[in-house]
Protein backbone atom coordinates (compact mmCIF):
# COMPACT_ATOMS: atom_id res chain seq x y z
CA MET A 1 234.12 53.85 -79.24
CA GLY A 2 231.80 54.91 -82.10
CA LEU A 3 229.94 52.70 -83.95
CA ALA A 4 227.31 53.61 -87.28
CA LEU A 5 225.41 51.62 -89.52
CA VAL A 6 224.42 52.91 -93.32
CA HIS A 7 222.50 51.06 -95.87
CA GLY A 8 223.69 51.23 -99.49
CA ARG A 9 223.33 49.05 -102.62
CA ALA A 10 225.77 46.92 -104.74
CA ARG A 11 225.46 45.94 -108.10
CA ALA A 12 225.46 42.23 -109.03
CA GLY A 13 224.25 41.82 -112.83
CA VAL A 14 220.83 43.72 -112.76
CA ARG A 15 220.25 43.09 -109.23
CA ALA A 16 220.99 45.29 -106.47
CA PRO A 17 221.64 43.57 -103.48
CA ALA A 18 221.65 45.28 -100.07
CA VAL A 19 224.67 46.22 -98.46
CA LYS A 20 225.16 47.24 -94.66
CA VAL A 21 228.18 50.13 -94.39
CA GLU A 22 229.62 49.37 -90.64
CA VAL A 23 231.92 52.22 -89.46
CA HIS A 24 233.74 51.47 -86.30
CA LEU A 25 236.15 54.08 -84.62
CA GLY A 26 238.71 52.62 -82.16
CA GLY A 27 241.53 53.10 -80.33
CA GLY A 28 245.32 52.54 -81.82
CA LEU A 29 247.17 54.69 -84.31
CA PRO A 30 245.27 56.35 -86.79
CA SER A 31 244.40 54.30 -89.89
CA MET A 32 241.47 53.06 -92.04
CA SER A 33 240.82 49.65 -93.70
CA ILE A 34 237.85 48.88 -95.79
CA VAL A 35 236.92 45.07 -95.68
CA GLY A 36 234.10 42.79 -97.04
CA LEU A 37 235.81 42.10 -100.47
CA PRO A 38 236.12 45.26 -102.23
CA GLU A 39 237.67 45.91 -105.33
CA ALA A 40 240.23 48.81 -106.25
CA ALA A 41 238.09 51.21 -106.61
CA VAL A 42 236.50 50.68 -103.51
CA ARG A 43 239.82 50.87 -101.40
CA GLU A 44 240.60 53.88 -103.21
CA ALA A 45 237.77 55.14 -101.76
CA LYS A 46 239.40 55.66 -98.20
CA ASP A 47 241.28 58.81 -99.99
CA ARG A 48 238.46 60.07 -102.18
CA VAL A 49 236.32 60.44 -98.64
CA ARG A 50 239.00 61.89 -96.38
CA ALA A 51 239.70 64.52 -98.67
CA ALA A 52 235.85 64.97 -98.83
CA ILE A 53 235.20 65.19 -95.33
CA GLN A 54 238.03 67.66 -94.60
CA CYS A 55 236.62 69.62 -97.66
CA ALA A 56 233.03 70.22 -96.07
CA GLN A 57 234.38 71.56 -93.19
CA PHE A 58 234.42 68.47 -90.98
CA GLU A 59 236.98 66.52 -89.02
CA PHE A 60 238.26 63.46 -89.95
CA PRO A 61 238.72 61.20 -86.70
CA ALA A 62 242.39 60.73 -86.37
CA ARG A 63 241.35 57.30 -84.76
CA ARG A 64 241.52 53.62 -86.35
CA ILE A 65 238.72 53.58 -88.37
CA THR A 66 237.40 50.16 -89.66
CA VAL A 67 234.72 49.66 -92.55
CA ASN A 68 233.16 46.76 -92.92
CA LEU A 69 230.62 46.18 -96.08
CA ALA A 70 228.10 43.47 -95.33
CA PRO A 71 227.50 40.52 -96.50
CA ALA A 72 231.37 40.06 -96.72
CA ASP A 73 231.19 37.31 -99.56
CA LEU A 74 229.74 39.96 -101.87
CA PRO A 75 231.97 41.58 -104.31
CA LYS A 76 231.97 45.30 -104.06
CA GLY A 77 233.21 47.85 -107.02
CA GLY A 78 232.84 51.06 -108.16
CA GLY A 79 232.44 54.56 -106.31
CA ARG A 80 228.95 53.84 -105.27
CA PHE A 81 229.74 53.40 -101.82
CA ASP A 82 231.81 56.86 -101.13
CA LEU A 83 228.98 58.59 -99.56
CA PRO A 84 227.60 55.79 -97.11
CA ILE A 85 231.43 55.56 -96.34
CA ALA A 86 231.56 59.26 -95.39
CA LEU A 87 228.15 59.20 -93.73
CA GLY A 88 229.08 56.31 -91.36
CA ILE A 89 232.54 57.97 -90.47
CA LEU A 90 230.46 61.12 -89.53
CA ALA A 91 227.81 59.22 -87.38
CA ALA A 92 229.99 57.23 -85.62
CA SER A 93 232.32 60.15 -84.78
CA GLY A 94 229.09 61.98 -83.68
CA GLN A 95 229.27 64.85 -86.28
CA VAL A 96 225.84 64.03 -87.79
CA PRO A 97 222.82 62.32 -86.15
CA ALA A 98 223.15 58.43 -86.27
CA GLU A 99 219.16 58.20 -86.14
CA GLY A 100 218.32 59.83 -89.42
CA LEU A 101 220.14 56.92 -91.06
CA ARG A 102 217.67 54.33 -90.65
CA GLU A 103 215.08 55.15 -93.08
CA TYR A 104 217.81 56.16 -95.95
CA GLU A 105 219.71 54.35 -98.51
CA PHE A 106 222.99 55.95 -100.10
CA ILE A 107 224.42 55.78 -103.67
CA GLY A 108 227.07 58.01 -104.96
CA GLU A 109 230.66 59.22 -105.23
CA LEU A 110 232.31 61.60 -103.87
CA GLY A 111 235.00 63.91 -105.50
CA LEU A 112 237.52 65.30 -103.31
CA THR A 113 235.63 68.77 -103.03
CA GLY A 114 232.83 66.69 -101.24
CA GLU A 115 230.98 66.83 -104.56
CA LEU A 116 228.87 64.14 -105.35
CA ARG A 117 229.12 62.40 -108.78
CA PRO A 118 226.25 60.35 -110.59
CA VAL A 119 227.27 56.61 -110.82
CA ASP A 120 225.44 53.35 -113.20
CA GLY A 121 222.95 50.83 -112.02
CA VAL A 122 220.90 53.55 -110.10
CA LEU A 123 217.48 51.98 -111.37
CA PRO A 124 217.74 48.63 -110.26
CA ALA A 125 218.85 49.87 -106.28
CA ALA A 126 215.61 52.45 -106.73
CA LEU A 127 213.73 49.63 -107.52
CA ALA A 128 215.23 47.52 -104.48
CA ALA A 129 214.90 50.70 -102.02
CA ALA A 130 211.32 50.88 -102.94
CA GLU A 131 210.65 47.58 -102.15
CA ALA A 132 212.57 47.62 -99.00
CA GLY A 133 210.29 50.67 -97.92
CA ARG A 134 213.44 52.65 -97.40
CA ARG A 135 214.11 56.57 -99.03
CA LEU A 136 216.61 56.74 -101.67
CA VAL A 137 219.44 59.46 -101.44
CA VAL A 138 221.64 59.90 -105.07
CA ALA A 139 224.03 62.19 -106.73
CA GLN A 140 221.71 65.27 -108.89
CA GLY A 141 222.68 63.34 -112.21
CA ASN A 142 221.02 60.10 -111.11
CA GLY A 143 218.04 61.92 -109.89
CA ALA A 144 215.97 61.69 -113.11
CA GLU A 145 217.11 57.77 -113.31
CA ALA A 146 216.11 57.15 -109.45
CA ALA A 147 212.27 58.90 -110.25
CA LEU A 148 211.57 56.16 -112.60
CA ALA A 149 210.79 53.39 -109.69
CA ALA A 150 207.33 53.96 -108.56
CA GLY A 151 206.36 53.82 -104.93
CA LEU A 152 209.73 55.49 -104.06
CA GLU A 153 210.67 58.80 -102.18
CA ALA A 154 213.77 59.40 -103.96
CA PHE A 155 216.05 62.71 -103.30
CA THR A 156 219.24 64.49 -104.95
CA ALA A 157 222.13 66.38 -103.62
CA ARG A 158 225.10 68.20 -105.18
CA THR A 159 227.36 67.77 -102.22
CA LEU A 160 228.38 66.18 -99.09
CA LEU A 161 227.49 69.13 -97.02
CA GLU A 162 224.11 69.06 -98.38
CA VAL A 163 223.37 65.28 -97.11
CA CYS A 164 224.89 66.11 -93.78
CA ALA A 165 221.96 68.90 -93.65
CA LEU A 166 219.32 66.94 -94.64
CA LEU A 167 220.30 64.13 -92.03
CA GLY A 168 220.65 67.30 -89.40
CA GLY A 169 217.29 68.38 -90.10
CA ARG A 170 218.63 71.85 -91.42
CA LYS A 171 217.48 71.95 -95.18
CA PRO A 172 215.59 69.15 -96.78
CA LEU A 173 216.72 67.96 -100.05
CA PRO A 174 214.82 68.29 -103.72
CA ALA A 175 213.03 65.44 -104.88
CA ALA A 176 214.22 63.44 -107.54
CA ILE A 177 211.73 64.52 -110.97
CA ALA A 178 211.51 62.37 -113.59
CA PRO A 179 211.58 64.24 -117.00
CA PRO A 180 208.72 64.11 -119.32
CA GLN A 181 208.34 61.24 -122.25
CA GLN A 182 209.99 62.24 -125.36
CA ARG A 183 207.57 60.99 -128.45
CA LEU A 184 208.84 57.51 -129.52
CA ASP A 185 208.35 58.43 -133.20
CA GLY A 186 210.56 55.98 -135.60
CA PRO A 187 210.86 54.74 -138.76
CA ASP A 188 207.62 54.13 -140.22
CA MET A 189 206.45 51.20 -142.93
CA ARG A 190 204.89 53.96 -145.45
CA ASP A 191 208.47 54.28 -146.51
CA VAL A 192 208.80 50.85 -147.71
CA ARG A 193 207.66 50.39 -151.06
CA GLY A 194 206.46 46.90 -152.57
CA GLN A 195 208.18 43.82 -150.87
CA ALA A 196 204.53 42.32 -150.28
CA GLN A 197 205.90 38.90 -148.80
CA ALA A 198 208.58 40.94 -146.74
CA ARG A 199 205.86 42.99 -145.26
CA ARG A 200 203.53 40.10 -144.37
CA ALA A 201 206.35 38.14 -142.40
CA LEU A 202 207.28 41.39 -140.85
CA GLU A 203 203.75 41.40 -139.40
CA ILE A 204 203.63 37.91 -138.84
CA THR A 205 206.77 38.56 -136.72
CA ALA A 206 205.62 40.91 -134.45
CA ALA A 207 202.02 39.43 -133.78
CA GLY A 208 203.63 36.33 -132.46
CA GLY A 209 207.45 37.25 -131.00
CA HIS A 210 208.49 35.22 -133.59
CA HIS A 211 212.20 35.30 -135.23
CA LEU A 212 212.94 36.53 -138.94
CA LEU A 213 215.58 35.57 -141.53
CA LEU A 214 215.63 38.01 -144.91
CA VAL A 215 217.47 36.28 -147.86
CA GLY A 216 217.85 39.13 -150.61
CA PRO A 217 220.86 41.03 -152.81
CA PRO A 218 222.07 44.45 -151.50
CA GLY A 219 220.20 47.13 -151.45
CA CYS A 220 216.73 45.16 -151.70
CA GLY A 221 215.44 46.83 -148.69
CA LYS A 222 216.29 44.23 -145.86
CA THR A 223 217.95 46.53 -143.42
CA LEU A 224 214.81 49.30 -144.05
CA LEU A 225 212.44 46.02 -143.23
CA ALA A 226 214.11 45.52 -139.94
CA SER A 227 214.22 48.75 -138.53
CA ARG A 228 210.98 49.19 -139.17
CA LEU A 229 210.09 46.33 -136.60
CA PRO A 230 209.72 48.03 -133.21
CA GLY A 231 207.37 50.36 -134.46
CA LEU A 232 205.13 47.50 -135.16
CA LEU A 233 205.35 45.76 -131.27
CA PRO A 234 203.07 47.09 -128.82
CA GLU A 235 203.90 49.98 -126.42
CA ALA A 236 205.89 48.26 -123.54
CA ASP A 237 204.21 47.58 -120.50
CA GLU A 238 205.67 49.47 -117.13
CA ASP A 239 207.33 46.17 -115.82
CA GLU A 240 208.48 45.44 -119.54
CA ALA A 241 210.14 48.81 -119.69
CA LEU A 242 211.47 48.78 -116.35
CA GLU A 243 213.08 45.62 -116.87
CA THR A 244 214.84 47.04 -120.20
CA ALA A 245 215.59 50.37 -118.33
CA ALA A 246 217.24 48.41 -115.40
CA ILE A 247 219.77 46.52 -117.92
CA ALA A 248 220.69 49.96 -119.45
CA SER A 249 221.14 51.36 -116.25
CA VAL A 250 223.76 48.92 -115.66
CA SER A 251 225.43 48.51 -118.96
CA GLY A 252 227.95 51.12 -118.13
CA ARG A 253 226.72 52.84 -121.51
CA GLY A 254 223.78 54.93 -119.69
CA LEU A 255 220.40 55.28 -119.37
CA ASP A 256 218.38 57.76 -121.25
CA PRO A 257 215.50 58.59 -118.70
CA ALA A 258 213.53 60.33 -121.59
CA ARG A 259 212.81 57.35 -123.43
CA TRP A 260 212.69 54.48 -121.15
CA ARG A 261 209.40 53.60 -122.91
CA ALA A 262 210.39 52.74 -126.24
CA ARG A 263 211.73 49.32 -127.10
CA PRO A 264 215.33 48.99 -128.42
CA PHE A 265 216.65 48.41 -131.77
CA ARG A 266 220.08 46.64 -131.36
CA SER A 267 222.30 46.74 -134.55
CA PRO A 268 226.05 45.51 -133.86
CA HIS A 269 228.88 45.06 -136.63
CA HIS A 270 229.53 41.75 -137.60
CA THR A 271 232.93 41.86 -136.33
CA ALA A 272 231.71 42.05 -132.69
CA SER A 273 233.03 39.21 -130.54
CA ALA A 274 230.81 36.79 -128.59
CA ALA A 275 231.73 38.33 -125.69
CA ALA A 276 230.21 41.17 -127.15
CA LEU A 277 227.14 39.67 -128.15
CA VAL A 278 226.51 38.04 -124.73
CA GLY A 279 228.23 40.20 -122.16
CA GLY A 280 231.64 39.61 -120.13
CA GLY A 281 233.87 41.01 -118.53
CA ALA A 282 235.73 40.58 -115.24
CA GLU A 283 233.06 42.46 -113.64
CA PRO A 284 230.35 41.15 -115.86
CA ARG A 285 228.00 43.78 -118.17
CA PRO A 286 225.37 42.85 -120.68
CA GLY A 287 225.84 42.03 -124.13
CA GLU A 288 224.13 43.31 -127.22
CA ILE A 289 221.13 40.36 -126.39
CA SER A 290 220.24 41.74 -123.14
CA LEU A 291 220.79 45.37 -124.13
CA ALA A 292 217.65 44.09 -126.64
CA HIS A 293 215.72 42.58 -124.13
CA ASN A 294 211.86 43.08 -125.20
CA GLY A 295 213.08 44.52 -128.41
CA VAL A 296 215.03 43.38 -131.67
CA LEU A 297 218.26 42.27 -132.16
CA PHE A 298 219.21 42.84 -136.27
CA LEU A 299 222.21 41.11 -137.13
CA ASP A 300 223.18 41.67 -141.23
CA GLU A 301 225.47 40.09 -143.30
CA LEU A 302 224.63 36.99 -141.19
CA PRO A 303 227.60 34.92 -143.19
CA GLU A 304 230.32 37.31 -142.37
CA TRP A 305 229.97 36.89 -138.55
CA ASP A 306 232.29 34.69 -136.58
CA ARG A 307 230.45 31.11 -136.62
CA ARG A 308 231.33 31.19 -132.30
CA ALA A 309 229.67 34.22 -132.02
CA LEU A 310 226.73 32.73 -133.46
CA GLU A 311 226.49 29.98 -132.04
CA VAL A 312 226.44 31.42 -128.39
CA LEU A 313 222.67 32.80 -129.60
CA ARG A 314 221.29 29.38 -129.61
CA GLU A 315 220.53 28.72 -126.10
CA PRO A 316 219.35 32.30 -125.04
CA LEU A 317 217.06 32.27 -128.46
CA GLU A 318 215.49 29.50 -126.41
CA SER A 319 215.61 30.19 -122.94
CA GLY A 320 215.40 34.35 -123.02
CA VAL A 321 218.21 34.45 -120.37
CA VAL A 322 221.77 34.25 -120.63
CA THR A 323 224.17 33.10 -117.67
CA ILE A 324 227.68 34.50 -117.53
CA SER A 325 229.77 32.44 -114.95
CA ARG A 326 233.28 33.34 -113.32
CA ALA A 327 235.07 31.30 -111.06
CA ALA A 328 233.34 32.71 -107.87
CA ARG A 329 229.80 33.74 -108.75
CA GLN A 330 227.39 33.85 -111.66
CA ASN A 331 225.18 36.56 -113.18
CA GLU A 332 222.06 36.38 -115.02
CA PHE A 333 220.80 38.69 -118.06
CA PRO A 334 217.66 38.73 -119.40
CA ALA A 335 217.70 38.13 -123.20
CA ARG A 336 214.19 37.37 -124.15
CA PHE A 337 214.49 39.86 -127.87
CA GLN A 338 213.15 38.77 -131.31
CA LEU A 339 216.41 38.19 -133.93
CA VAL A 340 216.16 39.85 -137.74
CA ALA A 341 219.13 38.48 -139.37
CA ALA A 342 219.58 39.46 -143.08
CA MET A 343 222.24 37.90 -145.36
CA ASN A 344 222.95 37.68 -149.06
CA PRO A 345 222.37 34.64 -151.21
CA CYS A 346 225.83 34.30 -152.10
CA PRO A 347 229.18 35.65 -151.76
CA CYS A 348 228.54 38.15 -154.59
CA GLY A 349 224.99 38.87 -153.40
CA TRP A 350 222.82 38.16 -156.76
CA ALA A 351 222.12 34.72 -157.16
CA GLY A 352 218.76 33.79 -158.51
CA ASP A 353 218.36 37.46 -159.34
CA THR A 354 216.74 38.07 -162.76
CA SER A 355 219.81 40.29 -164.10
CA GLY A 356 221.66 36.71 -164.14
CA ARG A 357 224.76 38.62 -162.93
CA CYS A 358 225.77 36.01 -160.80
CA ARG A 359 228.65 34.04 -161.36
CA CYS A 360 229.55 32.55 -158.00
CA HIS A 361 230.04 28.39 -158.38
CA ALA A 362 227.75 26.29 -157.03
CA GLU A 363 230.37 25.19 -154.34
CA ALA A 364 231.14 28.57 -153.68
CA ILE A 365 227.52 29.64 -152.56
CA ALA A 366 227.43 25.96 -150.33
CA ARG A 367 230.28 27.42 -148.44
CA TYR A 368 228.71 30.76 -147.63
CA ARG A 369 225.80 29.24 -146.78
CA ALA A 370 227.48 26.51 -144.66
CA ARG A 371 228.83 29.22 -142.39
CA ILE A 372 225.45 29.65 -140.90
CA SER A 373 224.87 26.24 -138.86
CA GLY A 374 221.78 24.59 -139.34
CA PRO A 375 220.45 24.66 -135.17
CA LEU A 376 220.68 27.92 -136.16
CA LEU A 377 218.75 28.53 -138.83
CA ASP A 378 216.19 25.50 -137.06
CA ARG A 379 215.68 28.55 -134.55
CA ILE A 380 214.70 31.07 -136.84
CA ASP A 381 210.79 31.02 -137.75
CA LEU A 382 210.40 32.62 -141.05
CA HIS A 383 212.76 32.85 -143.87
CA VAL A 384 211.97 35.22 -146.43
CA GLU A 385 213.49 35.75 -149.68
CA VAL A 386 213.36 39.54 -150.47
CA PRO A 387 213.61 40.10 -154.12
CA ARG A 388 215.13 43.35 -156.25
CA LEU A 389 212.27 45.71 -156.92
CA PRO A 390 211.91 47.12 -160.47
CA PRO A 391 212.83 51.11 -160.96
CA ALA A 392 208.71 51.99 -161.67
CA GLN A 393 208.06 50.71 -157.92
CA LEU A 394 211.08 53.28 -156.27
CA ARG A 395 209.50 56.54 -158.23
CA PRO A 396 208.77 59.46 -155.68
CA ASP A 397 204.96 59.05 -156.76
CA ALA A 398 204.76 54.97 -156.57
CA PRO A 399 201.96 54.51 -154.04
CA GLU A 400 203.50 54.13 -150.11
CA GLY A 401 202.93 51.39 -147.84
CA GLU A 402 200.58 50.29 -145.39
CA ALA A 403 201.26 53.09 -142.56
CA SER A 404 202.70 50.88 -139.46
CA ALA A 405 199.86 52.26 -137.16
CA ALA A 406 197.27 50.24 -138.67
CA ILE A 407 199.84 47.31 -138.68
CA ARG A 408 200.28 47.86 -135.22
CA ALA A 409 196.81 47.89 -133.83
CA ARG A 410 196.01 44.26 -136.06
CA VAL A 411 199.47 43.26 -134.33
CA GLU A 412 198.02 44.07 -131.08
CA CYS A 413 194.76 42.10 -131.62
CA ALA A 414 196.30 39.02 -132.36
CA ARG A 415 198.91 39.49 -129.10
CA ALA A 416 195.58 40.18 -127.40
CA LEU A 417 194.03 36.67 -128.20
CA GLN A 418 197.62 34.83 -127.50
CA LEU A 419 197.66 36.26 -123.93
CA ARG A 420 194.32 35.59 -123.27
CA ARG A 421 194.66 31.96 -124.56
CA ALA A 422 198.26 30.69 -123.08
CA GLY A 423 199.29 33.34 -121.36
CA ARG A 424 202.35 33.93 -123.58
CA LEU A 425 203.11 35.02 -127.53
CA ASN A 426 202.96 31.88 -129.87
CA ALA A 427 206.62 31.95 -130.19
CA ARG A 428 207.32 31.25 -126.52
CA LEU A 429 204.85 28.03 -126.07
CA SER A 430 206.29 25.14 -124.70
CA GLN A 431 205.98 21.86 -126.57
CA SER A 432 203.61 20.67 -124.48
CA GLU A 433 201.07 23.96 -125.08
CA THR A 434 202.13 23.60 -128.58
CA MET A 435 200.60 20.50 -129.17
CA ALA A 436 197.42 21.52 -127.38
CA TRP A 437 196.92 25.19 -129.08
CA CYS A 438 197.91 24.21 -132.45
CA ARG A 439 196.08 21.46 -132.92
CA LEU A 440 195.34 20.67 -137.08
CA SER A 441 192.99 18.35 -138.65
CA PRO A 442 194.04 14.88 -140.12
CA ARG A 443 193.99 16.20 -143.70
CA ASP A 444 196.59 19.18 -142.49
CA GLN A 445 197.90 16.98 -140.33
CA THR A 446 199.19 14.73 -143.42
CA LEU A 447 199.89 18.08 -145.37
CA LEU A 448 202.16 18.76 -142.49
CA GLU A 449 203.73 15.87 -142.39
CA ARG A 450 205.06 15.36 -145.98
CA ALA A 451 206.27 19.12 -146.06
CA VAL A 452 208.53 17.92 -143.13
CA ASP A 453 209.78 15.06 -145.15
CA ALA A 454 210.34 17.13 -148.23
CA LEU A 455 212.16 19.62 -146.55
CA GLN A 456 213.88 17.53 -144.36
CA LEU A 457 212.75 19.50 -141.04
CA SER A 458 213.90 18.97 -137.46
CA ALA A 459 211.00 18.80 -135.09
CA ARG A 460 211.98 21.98 -134.17
CA SER A 461 211.39 23.19 -137.43
CA MET A 462 207.96 21.29 -137.10
CA HIS A 463 206.81 23.21 -134.22
CA ARG A 464 207.87 26.17 -135.04
CA ILE A 465 205.83 26.14 -138.18
CA LEU A 466 202.69 25.10 -136.19
CA ARG A 467 203.52 28.46 -133.82
CA VAL A 468 203.62 30.38 -137.21
CA ALA A 469 200.52 29.10 -138.39
CA ARG A 470 198.78 29.67 -134.94
CA THR A 471 200.01 33.57 -135.50
CA ILE A 472 198.35 33.89 -138.85
CA ALA A 473 195.25 32.61 -138.07
CA ASP A 474 195.01 34.93 -134.78
CA LEU A 475 195.71 37.82 -137.37
CA ALA A 476 192.57 36.36 -139.35
CA GLY A 477 190.41 36.43 -136.00
CA SER A 478 190.12 32.38 -136.90
CA ALA A 479 189.95 30.20 -133.46
CA ASP A 480 191.36 27.19 -135.63
CA ILE A 481 194.26 26.49 -137.69
CA ALA A 482 193.19 26.08 -141.15
CA THR A 483 194.66 25.24 -144.54
CA ALA A 484 195.39 28.58 -145.63
CA HIS A 485 197.30 29.10 -142.49
CA LEU A 486 199.26 26.31 -142.66
CA THR A 487 200.61 26.49 -146.08
CA GLU A 488 201.60 30.39 -145.49
CA ALA A 489 203.28 29.33 -142.74
CA LEU A 490 205.37 26.39 -144.59
CA GLY A 491 206.07 28.64 -147.30
CA TYR A 492 208.31 30.82 -144.76
CA ARG A 493 209.87 27.82 -144.77
CA GLN A 494 210.90 27.29 -148.21
CA ALA A 495 214.65 28.76 -147.79
CA ASP A 496 215.47 25.68 -145.83
CA ARG A 497 215.30 23.77 -149.06
CA SER A 498 218.74 26.09 -150.52
CA THR A 499 220.07 27.07 -147.18
CA GLY A 500 219.44 25.10 -144.46
CA GLN A 501 220.09 21.54 -146.12
CA GLN A 502 223.34 22.95 -147.38
CA ALA A 503 224.48 24.52 -143.82
CA ALA A 504 223.58 21.68 -141.71
């Protein structure tokens, strides 16, 4: 009777829980069974493992083989357990030493020839293996991703035979090496001509972590402005970058290890469903809001989105996480993103334009704007009108805008003030923290209350105005919120008079 234990990792959201692969060889008719809540791809591993062991010139035991994936109540999916199962069978039958298995974890799918193939979700497994103090062996195609985990000894193998040679002490495996980081040059704000108010709003958005709504006619530069926001944000620190990269790793869409520090910019089409935004599936995967974690989510043509899809954004905008529930389990994905939305002012797009070309009736405009609910608009901090530029400002010899690097320097200084003061960005302050750090003079408090009454704003909107005013003061290096800071913040809610009231 033979028994072997091999360490592996499952995938559960962005976590990689430990799995013990126990292999038992017993008497009876030759057979192989896999227990421990395996899904179809895991149950099919017995055929891949048998062929891989035989192609590697090992003997597949003619015994009753039982493979237990513990813990038994954790669902296991994919081909990531092929390599641990094969090694467990070889160790239980005495063909490879079992002692060397204790200090390693193994992840990889086997081809019929014994070739080791990459799988998704390796980065969370690498981070967990480093925390557990074990080494990790992965396929060659996963080596660059595994090497991103600090403090981990990760090795790559091409075949099952190479892994067996490592365990037998005959030949070491090459260490996984992270690729050199590519230069993160993106779109620059110097390309944006004019639009002083929109540029200012974008700087405030970046400095305080706020959400932004751009309203303007077609071709006025809303998409151009939104695409420049990632370039205004400070470079992600290692923890933020690893968290974002782990989400990309488990998404099934792949992770580029050479650009893992880049802040994401996601721009889904307006036909995307609610599940595409928040994530889902039988085996839950992250959606667009999680893929935009620590970055920017841009929703163009906001009124054209399905209302049910937009309403699912309301809770993640407040909490920064999204929970996907299934009958047997729940998966939680981080979703701390900055929302930038864009819309036309009316169905034809030209309401309010100086050309006077809009012919939309008032009822049609009201119906168009009512596609966006009041509660969603409440959660967007800045509402900015982006006018059509005169042709003279678009000439090739027209002055360029201020470069992103100069704006980013001011953003970094403002963020440093916020982190020293409250430990978080202004947009993420709680209600009590808002009251503590966003105090107004009695005169300014009266001004705010009058504006809230005039615009018929909610308490949530009032708190967001205070946080935006605090960010404006931080950009100015002011310890207190002055009247000028408050009035500028109120100016970014003027769109509520035309959109918010009709949509509510």
